[in-house]
Amino acid sequence: MEHSKDVISVRLSKSDIAIIEGAAEKSGQSLTEFVRSAVLRTASEIGDGRLIAMSPEGFSDFCSAIYAPGTPIPEMIELANRPAPWESGHTADK
């Protein structure tokens, strides 16, 4: 790990500090290493596109789409209705 003398200062409430210190302790890391790894992980997620940002309207549309009934797919219906290999009526050719 590269050692640096640069410092980033952050203002936090006492309750935020207590939560972070508790998490660092549970993870077995020093406070500095815990905060450093959490910040770098979040920055990486944002940088590589794993974090998706959308408008409130876009999020509403997304939620509507995932909660709406799905479109039946005949092949999936047929597959779900097939007997399992351990059930009677199963044939190896399907």
PDB file of N, CA and C in Angstrom:
ATOM      1  N   MET A   1       0.835  -1.174   0.000  1.00  0.00           N
ATOM      2  CA  MET A   1       0.000   0.000   0.000  1.00  0.00           C
ATOM      3  C   MET A   1       0.880   1.237   0.000  1.00  0.00           C
ATOM      4  N   GLU A   2       0.541   2.182  -0.808  1.00  0.00           N
ATOM      5  CA  GLU A   2       1.282   3.435  -0.900  1.00  0.00           C
ATOM      6  C   GLU A   2       0.990   4.289   0.330  1.00  0.00           C
ATOM      7  N   HIS A   3       2.032   4.786   0.978  1.00  0.00           N
ATOM      8  CA  HIS A   3       1.843   5.651   2.140  1.00  0.00           C
ATOM      9  C   HIS A   3       1.865   7.092   1.687  1.00  0.00           C
ATOM     10  N   SER A   4       0.958   7.876   2.207  1.00  0.00           N
ATOM     11  CA  SER A   4       0.839   9.268   1.801  1.00  0.00           C
ATOM     12  C   SER A   4       0.697  10.134   3.029  1.00  0.00           C
ATOM     13  N   LYS A   5       1.058  11.370   2.882  1.00  0.00           N
ATOM     14  CA  LYS A   5       0.890  12.336   3.966  1.00  0.00           C
ATOM     15  C   LYS A   5      -0.303  13.241   3.703  1.00  0.00           C
ATOM     16  N   ASP A   6      -1.005  13.019   2.595  1.00  0.00           N
ATOM     17  CA  ASP A   6      -2.178  13.827   2.297  1.00  0.00           C
ATOM     18  C   ASP A   6      -3.308  13.442   3.242  1.00  0.00           C
ATOM     19  N   VAL A   7      -4.107  14.430   3.621  1.00  0.00           N
ATOM     20  CA  VAL A   7      -5.193  14.208   4.573  1.00  0.00           C
ATOM     21  C   VAL A   7      -6.482  14.776   3.993  1.00  0.00           C
ATOM     22  N   ILE A   8      -7.564  14.036   4.177  1.00  0.00           N
ATOM     23  CA  ILE A   8      -8.899  14.520   3.841  1.00  0.00           C
ATOM     24  C   ILE A   8      -9.632  14.679   5.162  1.00  0.00           C
ATOM     25  N   SER A   9     -10.177  15.851   5.383  1.00  0.00           N
ATOM     26  CA  SER A   9     -10.884  16.117   6.631  1.00  0.00           C
ATOM     27  C   SER A   9     -12.386  16.095   6.375  1.00  0.00           C
ATOM     28  N   VAL A  10     -13.123  15.434   7.272  1.00  0.00           N
ATOM     29  CA  VAL A  10     -14.566  15.309   7.119  1.00  0.00           C
ATOM     30  C   VAL A  10     -15.226  15.675   8.439  1.00  0.00           C
ATOM     31  N   ARG A  11     -16.265  16.481   8.387  1.00  0.00           N
ATOM     32  CA  ARG A  11     -17.014  16.824   9.599  1.00  0.00           C
ATOM     33  C   ARG A  11     -18.155  15.821   9.764  1.00  0.00           C
ATOM     34  N   LEU A  12     -18.204  15.170  10.921  1.00  0.00           N
ATOM     35  CA  LEU A  12     -19.225  14.174  11.201  1.00  0.00           C
ATOM     36  C   LEU A  12     -19.824  14.422  12.580  1.00  0.00           C
ATOM     37  N   SER A  13     -21.068  14.000  12.731  1.00  0.00           N
ATOM     38  CA  SER A  13     -21.696  14.084  14.047  1.00  0.00           C
ATOM     39  C   SER A  13     -21.128  12.990  14.945  1.00  0.00           C
ATOM     40  N   LYS A  14     -21.292  13.158  16.244  1.00  0.00           N
ATOM     41  CA  LYS A  14     -20.815  12.141  17.192  1.00  0.00           C
ATOM     42  C   LYS A  14     -21.477  10.798  16.931  1.00  0.00           C
ATOM     43  N   SER A  15     -22.761  10.811  16.558  1.00  0.00           N
ATOM     44  CA  SER A  15     -23.452   9.538  16.292  1.00  0.00           C
ATOM     45  C   SER A  15     -22.900   8.872  15.032  1.00  0.00           C
ATOM     46  N   ASP A  16     -22.579   9.662  14.002  1.00  0.00           N
ATOM     47  CA  ASP A  16     -21.972   9.088  12.794  1.00  0.00           C
ATOM     48  C   ASP A  16     -20.614   8.465  13.122  1.00  0.00           C
ATOM     49  N   ILE A  17     -19.831   9.164  13.923  1.00  0.00           N
ATOM     50  CA  ILE A  17     -18.507   8.659  14.303  1.00  0.00           C
ATOM     51  C   ILE A  17     -18.652   7.359  15.084  1.00  0.00           C
ATOM     52  N   ALA A  18     -19.620   7.306  15.987  1.00  0.00           N
ATOM     53  CA  ALA A  18     -19.823   6.087  16.775  1.00  0.00           C
ATOM     54  C   ALA A  18     -20.184   4.909  15.882  1.00  0.00           C
ATOM     55  N   ILE A  19     -21.042   5.143  14.897  1.00  0.00           N
ATOM     56  CA  ILE A  19     -21.422   4.069  13.965  1.00  0.00           C
ATOM     57  C   ILE A  19     -20.206   3.586  13.183  1.00  0.00           C
ATOM     58  N   ILE A  20     -19.421   4.521  12.672  1.00  0.00           N
ATOM     59  CA  ILE A  20     -18.239   4.168  11.873  1.00  0.00           C
ATOM     60  C   ILE A  20     -17.204   3.451  12.724  1.00  0.00           C
ATOM     61  N   GLU A  21     -16.958   3.950  13.930  1.00  0.00           N
ATOM     62  CA  GLU A  21     -15.993   3.292  14.813  1.00  0.00           C
ATOM     63  C   GLU A  21     -16.445   1.874  15.169  1.00  0.00           C
ATOM     64  N   GLY A  22     -17.735   1.707  15.428  1.00  0.00           N
ATOM     65  CA  GLY A  22     -18.254   0.375  15.734  1.00  0.00           C
ATOM     66  C   GLY A  22     -18.082  -0.585  14.572  1.00  0.00           C
ATOM     67  N   ALA A  23     -18.369  -0.111  13.369  1.00  0.00           N
ATOM     68  CA  ALA A  23     -18.223  -0.956  12.182  1.00  0.00           C
ATOM     69  C   ALA A  23     -16.757  -1.304  11.940  1.00  0.00           C
ATOM     70  N   ALA A  24     -15.868  -0.335  12.135  1.00  0.00           N
ATOM     71  CA  ALA A  24     -14.435  -0.585  11.950  1.00  0.00           C
ATOM     72  C   ALA A  24     -13.963  -1.649  12.939  1.00  0.00           C
ATOM     73  N   GLU A  25     -14.412  -1.529  14.184  1.00  0.00           N
ATOM     74  CA  GLU A  25     -14.025  -2.495  15.203  1.00  0.00           C
ATOM     75  C   GLU A  25     -14.529  -3.896  14.858  1.00  0.00           C
ATOM     76  N   LYS A  26     -15.783  -3.983  14.433  1.00  0.00           N
ATOM     77  CA  LYS A  26     -16.359  -5.289  14.064  1.00  0.00           C
ATOM     78  C   LYS A  26     -15.642  -5.909  12.872  1.00  0.00           C
ATOM     79  N   SER A  27     -15.136  -5.054  11.970  1.00  0.00           N
ATOM     80  CA  SER A  27     -14.447  -5.566  10.785  1.00  0.00           C
ATOM     81  C   SER A  27     -12.994  -5.922  11.062  1.00  0.00           C
ATOM     82  N   GLY A  28     -12.504  -5.542  12.248  1.00  0.00           N
ATOM     83  CA  GLY A  28     -11.119  -5.836  12.592  1.00  0.00           C
ATOM     84  C   GLY A  28     -10.124  -4.899  11.931  1.00  0.00           C
ATOM     85  N   GLN A  29     -10.596  -3.753  11.470  1.00  0.00           N
ATOM     86  CA  GLN A  29      -9.724  -2.786  10.816  1.00  0.00           C
ATOM     87  C   GLN A  29      -9.571  -1.551  11.697  1.00  0.00           C
ATOM     88  N   SER A  30      -8.476  -0.843  11.466  1.00  0.00           N
ATOM     89  CA  SER A  30      -8.334   0.455  12.133  1.00  0.00           C
ATOM     90  C   SER A  30      -9.383   1.391  11.538  1.00  0.00           C
ATOM     91  N   LEU A  31      -9.680   2.454  12.252  1.00  0.00           N
ATOM     92  CA  LEU A  31     -10.647   3.429  11.753  1.00  0.00           C
ATOM     93  C   LEU A  31     -10.189   3.991  10.413  1.00  0.00           C
ATOM     94  N   THR A  32      -8.913   4.311  10.307  1.00  0.00           N
ATOM     95  CA  THR A  32      -8.379   4.866   9.061  1.00  0.00           C
ATOM     96  C   THR A  32      -8.551   3.891   7.902  1.00  0.00           C
ATOM     97  N   GLU A  33      -8.173   2.630   8.112  1.00  0.00           N
ATOM     98  CA  GLU A  33      -8.273   1.649   7.022  1.00  0.00           C
ATOM     99  C   GLU A  33      -9.724   1.362   6.668  1.00  0.00           C
ATOM    100  N   PHE A  34     -10.604   1.314   7.670  1.00  0.00           N
ATOM    101  CA  PHE A  34     -12.017   1.079   7.399  1.00  0.00           C
ATOM    102  C   PHE A  34     -12.601   2.201   6.541  1.00  0.00           C
ATOM    103  N   VAL A  35     -12.358   3.437   6.933  1.00  0.00           N
ATOM    104  CA  VAL A  35     -12.895   4.584   6.184  1.00  0.00           C
ATOM    105  C   VAL A  35     -12.274   4.625   4.793  1.00  0.00           C
ATOM    106  N   ARG A  36     -10.965   4.405   4.715  1.00  0.00           N
ATOM    107  CA  ARG A  36     -10.286   4.425   3.414  1.00  0.00           C
ATOM    108  C   ARG A  36     -10.880   3.372   2.476  1.00  0.00           C
ATOM    109  N   SER A  37     -11.050   2.138   2.957  1.00  0.00           N
ATOM    110  CA  SER A  37     -11.564   1.081   2.084  1.00  0.00           C
ATOM    111  C   SER A  37     -13.021   1.348   1.698  1.00  0.00           C
ATOM    112  N   ALA A  38     -13.825   1.874   2.621  1.00  0.00           N
ATOM    113  CA  ALA A  38     -15.227   2.174   2.306  1.00  0.00           C
ATOM    114  C   ALA A  38     -15.327   3.273   1.258  1.00  0.00           C
ATOM    115  N   VAL A  39     -14.517   4.295   1.399  1.00  0.00           N
ATOM    116  CA  VAL A  39     -14.544   5.402   0.440  1.00  0.00           C
ATOM    117  C   VAL A  39     -14.063   4.931  -0.933  1.00  0.00           C
ATOM    118  N   LEU A  40     -12.987   4.168  -0.968  1.00  0.00           N
ATOM    119  CA  LEU A  40     -12.472   3.677  -2.255  1.00  0.00           C
ATOM    120  C   LEU A  40     -13.452   2.721  -2.923  1.00  0.00           C
ATOM    121  N   ARG A  41     -14.108   1.864  -2.133  1.00  0.00           N
ATOM    122  CA  ARG A  41     -15.106   0.934  -2.695  1.00  0.00           C
ATOM    123  C   ARG A  41     -16.271   1.719  -3.313  1.00  0.00           C
ATOM    124  N   THR A  42     -16.760   2.720  -2.614  1.00  0.00           N
ATOM    125  CA  THR A  42     -17.866   3.527  -3.134  1.00  0.00           C
ATOM    126  C   THR A  42     -17.442   4.291  -4.379  1.00  0.00           C
ATOM    127  N   ALA A  43     -16.262   4.870  -4.355  1.00  0.00           N
ATOM    128  CA  ALA A  43     -15.769   5.601  -5.525  1.00  0.00           C
ATOM    129  C   ALA A  43     -15.625   4.669  -6.723  1.00  0.00           C
ATOM    130  N   SER A  44     -15.170   3.444  -6.479  1.00  0.00           N
ATOM    131  CA  SER A  44     -15.028   2.470  -7.553  1.00  0.00           C
ATOM    132  C   SER A  44     -16.387   2.092  -8.132  1.00  0.00           C
ATOM    133  N   GLU A  45     -17.376   1.887  -7.259  1.00  0.00           N
ATOM    134  CA  GLU A  45     -18.726   1.541  -7.725  1.00  0.00           C
ATOM    135  C   GLU A  45     -19.300   2.638  -8.602  1.00  0.00           C
ATOM    136  N   ILE A  46     -19.084   3.873  -8.221  1.00  0.00           N
ATOM    137  CA  ILE A  46     -19.584   4.997  -9.018  1.00  0.00           C
ATOM    138  C   ILE A  46     -18.816   5.090 -10.330  1.00  0.00           C
ATOM    139  N   GLY A  47     -17.505   4.907 -10.254  1.00  0.00           N
ATOM    140  CA  GLY A  47     -16.667   5.043 -11.436  1.00  0.00           C
ATOM    141  C   GLY A  47     -16.879   3.966 -12.472  1.00  0.00           C
ATOM    142  N   ASP A  48     -17.210   2.736 -12.039  1.00  0.00           N
ATOM    143  CA  ASP A  48     -17.349   1.653 -13.016  1.00  0.00           C
ATOM    144  C   ASP A  48     -18.794   1.387 -13.413  1.00  0.00           C
ATOM    145  N   GLY A  49     -19.704   2.233 -12.986  1.00  0.00           N
ATOM    146  CA  GLY A  49     -21.077   2.130 -13.454  1.00  0.00           C
ATOM    147  C   GLY A  49     -21.972   1.212 -12.658  1.00  0.00           C
ATOM    148  N   ARG A  50     -21.492   0.671 -11.519  1.00  0.00           N
ATOM    149  CA  ARG A  50     -22.354  -0.197 -10.722  1.00  0.00           C
ATOM    150  C   ARG A  50     -23.428   0.590  -9.983  1.00  0.00           C
ATOM    151  N   LEU A  51     -23.204   1.888  -9.814  1.00  0.00           N
ATOM    152  CA  LEU A  51     -24.201   2.733  -9.177  1.00  0.00           C
ATOM    153  C   LEU A  51     -25.024   3.384 -10.276  1.00  0.00           C
ATOM    154  N   ILE A  52     -26.319   3.217 -10.205  1.00  0.00           N
ATOM    155  CA  ILE A  52     -27.202   3.766 -11.229  1.00  0.00           C
ATOM    156  C   ILE A  52     -27.994   4.907 -10.614  1.00  0.00           C
ATOM    157  N   ALA A  53     -27.916   6.065 -11.226  1.00  0.00           N
ATOM    158  CA  ALA A  53     -28.672   7.221 -10.750  1.00  0.00           C
ATOM    159  C   ALA A  53     -29.820   7.467 -11.714  1.00  0.00           C
ATOM    160  N   MET A  54     -30.977   7.805 -11.152  1.00  0.00           N
ATOM    161  CA  MET A  54     -32.123   8.109 -12.003  1.00  0.00           C
ATOM    162  C   MET A  54     -32.991   9.155 -11.320  1.00  0.00           C
ATOM    163  N   SER A  55     -33.782   9.792 -12.115  1.00  0.00           N
ATOM    164  CA  SER A  55     -34.692  10.814 -11.606  1.00  0.00           C
ATOM    165  C   SER A  55     -35.808  10.143 -10.811  1.00  0.00           C
ATOM    166  N   PRO A  56     -36.512  10.903  -9.979  1.00  0.00           N
ATOM    167  CA  PRO A  56     -37.654  10.324  -9.269  1.00  0.00           C
ATOM    168  C   PRO A  56     -38.695   9.738 -10.234  1.00  0.00           C
ATOM    169  N   GLU A  57     -38.908  10.398 -11.363  1.00  0.00           N
ATOM    170  CA  GLU A  57     -39.853   9.885 -12.351  1.00  0.00           C
ATOM    171  C   GLU A  57     -39.349   8.574 -12.950  1.00  0.00           C
ATOM    172  N   GLY A  58     -38.066   8.525 -13.239  1.00  0.00           N
ATOM    173  CA  GLY A  58     -37.471   7.303 -13.780  1.00  0.00           C
ATOM    174  C   GLY A  58     -37.560   6.159 -12.791  1.00  0.00           C
ATOM    175  N   PHE A  59     -37.331   6.453 -11.510  1.00  0.00           N
ATOM    176  CA  PHE A  59     -37.429   5.419 -10.488  1.00  0.00           C
ATOM    177  C   PHE A  59     -38.866   4.923 -10.360  1.00  0.00           C
ATOM    178  N   SER A  60     -39.822   5.842 -10.442  1.00  0.00           N
ATOM    179  CA  SER A  60     -41.236   5.464 -10.388  1.00  0.00           C
ATOM    180  C   SER A  60     -41.590   4.547 -11.556  1.00  0.00           C
ATOM    181  N   ASP A  61     -41.123   4.897 -12.753  1.00  0.00           N
ATOM    182  CA  ASP A  61     -41.366   4.056 -13.932  1.00  0.00           C
ATOM    183  C   ASP A  61     -40.721   2.672 -13.755  1.00  0.00           C
ATOM    184  N   PHE A  62     -39.515   2.654 -13.213  1.00  0.00           N
ATOM    185  CA  PHE A  62     -38.804   1.403 -12.978  1.00  0.00           C
ATOM    186  C   PHE A  62     -39.597   0.518 -12.014  1.00  0.00           C
ATOM    187  N   CYS A  63     -40.047   1.113 -10.895  1.00  0.00           N
ATOM    188  CA  CYS A  63     -40.827   0.346  -9.913  1.00  0.00           C
ATOM    189  C   CYS A  63     -42.122  -0.174 -10.520  1.00  0.00           C
ATOM    190  N   SER A  64     -42.778   0.647 -11.318  1.00  0.00           N
ATOM    191  CA  SER A  64     -44.020   0.205 -11.974  1.00  0.00           C
ATOM    192  C   SER A  64     -43.744  -0.993 -12.874  1.00  0.00           C
ATOM    193  N   ALA A  65     -42.633  -0.942 -13.591  1.00  0.00           N
ATOM    194  CA  ALA A  65     -42.299  -2.035 -14.510  1.00  0.00           C
ATOM    195  C   ALA A  65     -42.002  -3.336 -13.769  1.00  0.00           C
ATOM    196  N   ILE A  66     -41.260  -3.256 -12.659  1.00  0.00           N
ATOM    197  CA  ILE A  66     -40.904  -4.508 -11.983  1.00  0.00           C
ATOM    198  C   ILE A  66     -42.053  -5.083 -11.164  1.00  0.00           C
ATOM    199  N   TYR A  67     -43.014  -4.244 -10.780  1.00  0.00           N
ATOM    200  CA  TYR A  67     -44.164  -4.746 -10.026  1.00  0.00           C
ATOM    201  C   TYR A  67     -45.335  -5.134 -10.923  1.00  0.00           C
ATOM    202  N   ALA A  68     -45.275  -4.794 -12.191  1.00  0.00           N
ATOM    203  CA  ALA A  68     -46.346  -5.150 -13.119  1.00  0.00           C
ATOM    204  C   ALA A  68     -46.279  -6.650 -13.420  1.00  0.00           C
ATOM    205  N   PRO A  69     -47.424  -7.252 -13.725  1.00  0.00           N
ATOM    206  CA  PRO A  69     -47.399  -8.675 -14.088  1.00  0.00           C
ATOM    207  C   PRO A  69     -46.526  -8.895 -15.330  1.00  0.00           C
ATOM    208  N   GLY A  70     -45.828  -9.994 -15.329  1.00  0.00           N
ATOM    209  CA  GLY A  70     -44.972 -10.313 -16.459  1.00  0.00           C
ATOM    210  C   GLY A  70     -45.756 -10.840 -17.647  1.00  0.00           C
ATOM    211  N   THR A  71     -45.113 -10.834 -18.795  1.00  0.00           N
ATOM    212  CA  THR A  71     -45.711 -11.385 -20.002  1.00  0.00           C
ATOM    213  C   THR A  71     -45.414 -12.880 -20.041  1.00  0.00           C
ATOM    214  N   PRO A  72     -46.447 -13.703 -20.180  1.00  0.00           N
ATOM    215  CA  PRO A  72     -46.196 -15.146 -20.222  1.00  0.00           C
ATOM    216  C   PRO A  72     -45.299 -15.525 -21.409  1.00  0.00           C
ATOM    217  N   ILE A  73     -44.371 -16.417 -21.159  1.00  0.00           N
ATOM    218  CA  ILE A  73     -43.482 -16.932 -22.198  1.00  0.00           C
ATOM    219  C   ILE A  73     -43.818 -18.409 -22.334  1.00  0.00           C
ATOM    220  N   PRO A  74     -44.386 -18.814 -23.486  1.00  0.00           N
ATOM    221  CA  PRO A  74     -44.849 -20.203 -23.641  1.00  0.00           C
ATOM    222  C   PRO A  74     -43.799 -21.248 -23.282  1.00  0.00           C
ATOM    223  N   GLU A  75     -42.555 -21.029 -23.683  1.00  0.00           N
ATOM    224  CA  GLU A  75     -41.500 -22.008 -23.391  1.00  0.00           C
ATOM    225  C   GLU A  75     -41.262 -22.144 -21.877  1.00  0.00           C
ATOM    226  N   MET A  76     -41.364 -21.028 -21.149  1.00  0.00           N
ATOM    227  CA  MET A  76     -41.170 -21.077 -19.705  1.00  0.00           C
ATOM    228  C   MET A  76     -42.346 -21.773 -19.018  1.00  0.00           C
ATOM    229  N   ILE A  77     -43.540 -21.549 -19.521  1.00  0.00           N
ATOM    230  CA  ILE A  77     -44.722 -22.213 -18.969  1.00  0.00           C
ATOM    231  C   ILE A  77     -44.602 -23.717 -19.171  1.00  0.00           C
ATOM    232  N   GLU A  78     -44.201 -24.125 -20.371  1.00  0.00           N
ATOM    233  CA  GLU A  78     -44.030 -25.551 -20.671  1.00  0.00           C
ATOM    234  C   GLU A  78     -42.957 -26.154 -19.769  1.00  0.00           C
ATOM    235  N   LEU A  79     -41.866 -25.446 -19.586  1.00  0.00           N
ATOM    236  CA  LEU A  79     -40.780 -25.938 -18.736  1.00  0.00           C
ATOM    237  C   LEU A  79     -41.242 -26.082 -17.289  1.00  0.00           C
ATOM    238  N   ALA A  80     -41.979 -25.106 -16.791  1.00  0.00           N
ATOM    239  CA  ALA A  80     -42.465 -25.157 -15.409  1.00  0.00           C
ATOM    240  C   ALA A  80     -43.462 -26.281 -15.200  1.00  0.00           C
ATOM    241  N   ASN A  81     -44.168 -26.679 -16.236  1.00  0.00           N
ATOM    242  CA  ASN A  81     -45.166 -27.735 -16.124  1.00  0.00           C
ATOM    243  C   ASN A  81     -44.601 -29.133 -16.339  1.00  0.00           C
ATOM    244  N   ARG A  82     -43.353 -29.253 -16.753  1.00  0.00           N
ATOM    245  CA  ARG A  82     -42.732 -30.561 -16.943  1.00  0.00           C
ATOM    246  C   ARG A  82     -42.531 -31.242 -15.592  1.00  0.00           C
ATOM    247  N   PRO A  83     -42.664 -32.565 -15.561  1.00  0.00           N
ATOM    248  CA  PRO A  83     -42.352 -33.287 -14.330  1.00  0.00           C
ATOM    249  C   PRO A  83     -40.841 -33.191 -14.051  1.00  0.00           C
ATOM    250  N   ALA A  84     -40.496 -33.099 -12.794  1.00  0.00           N
ATOM    251  CA  ALA A  84     -39.086 -33.097 -12.408  1.00  0.00           C
ATOM    252  C   ALA A  84     -38.501 -34.481 -12.658  1.00  0.00           C
ATOM    253  N   PRO A  85     -37.177 -34.578 -12.810  1.00  0.00           N
ATOM    254  CA  PRO A  85     -36.568 -35.882 -13.095  1.00  0.00           C
ATOM    255  C   PRO A  85     -36.930 -36.970 -12.089  1.00  0.00           C
ATOM    256  N   TRP A  86     -37.212 -36.637 -10.846  1.00  0.00           N
ATOM    257  CA  TRP A  86     -37.540 -37.631  -9.834  1.00  0.00           C
ATOM    258  C   TRP A  86     -39.044 -37.920  -9.745  1.00  0.00           C
ATOM    259  N   GLU A  87     -39.850 -37.230 -10.558  1.00  0.00           N
ATOM    260  CA  GLU A  87     -41.289 -37.451 -10.540  1.00  0.00           C
ATOM    261  C   GLU A  87     -41.695 -38.427 -11.632  1.00  0.00           C
ATOM    262  N   SER A  88     -42.824 -39.151 -11.376  1.00  0.00           N
ATOM    263  CA  SER A  88     -43.314 -40.064 -12.410  1.00  0.00           C
ATOM    264  C   SER A  88     -43.810 -39.212 -13.588  1.00  0.00           C
ATOM    265  N   GLY A  89     -43.674 -39.744 -14.755  1.00  0.00           N
ATOM    266  CA  GLY A  89     -44.087 -39.027 -15.954  1.00  0.00           C
ATOM    267  C   GLY A  89     -42.937 -38.295 -16.634  1.00  0.00           C
ATOM    268  N   HIS A  90     -41.769 -38.245 -15.971  1.00  0.00           N
ATOM    269  CA  HIS A  90     -40.606 -37.590 -16.580  1.00  0.00           C
ATOM    270  C   HIS A  90     -40.034 -38.475 -17.664  1.00  0.00           C
ATOM    271  N   THR A  91     -39.725 -37.872 -18.814  1.00  0.00           N
ATOM    272  CA  THR A  91     -39.050 -38.624 -19.878  1.00  0.00           C
ATOM    273  C   THR A  91     -37.763 -37.909 -20.212  1.00  0.00           C
ATOM    274  N   ALA A  92     -36.747 -38.664 -20.552  1.00  0.00           N
ATOM    275  CA  ALA A  92     -35.422 -38.103 -20.810  1.00  0.00           C
ATOM    276  C   ALA A  92     -35.356 -37.278 -22.075  1.00  0.00           C
ATOM    277  N   ASP A  93     -36.327 -37.423 -22.985  1.00  0.00           N
ATOM    278  CA  ASP A  93     -36.241 -36.726 -24.273  1.00  0.00           C
ATOM    279  C   ASP A  93     -36.673 -35.262 -24.195  1.00  0.00           C
ATOM    280  N   LYS A  94     -37.205 -34.811 -23.089  1.00  0.00           N
ATOM    281  CA  LYS A  94     -37.656 -33.419 -22.999  1.00  0.00           C
ATOM    282  C   LYS A  94     -36.581 -32.530 -22.487  1.00  0.00           C
TER     283      LYS A  94
END
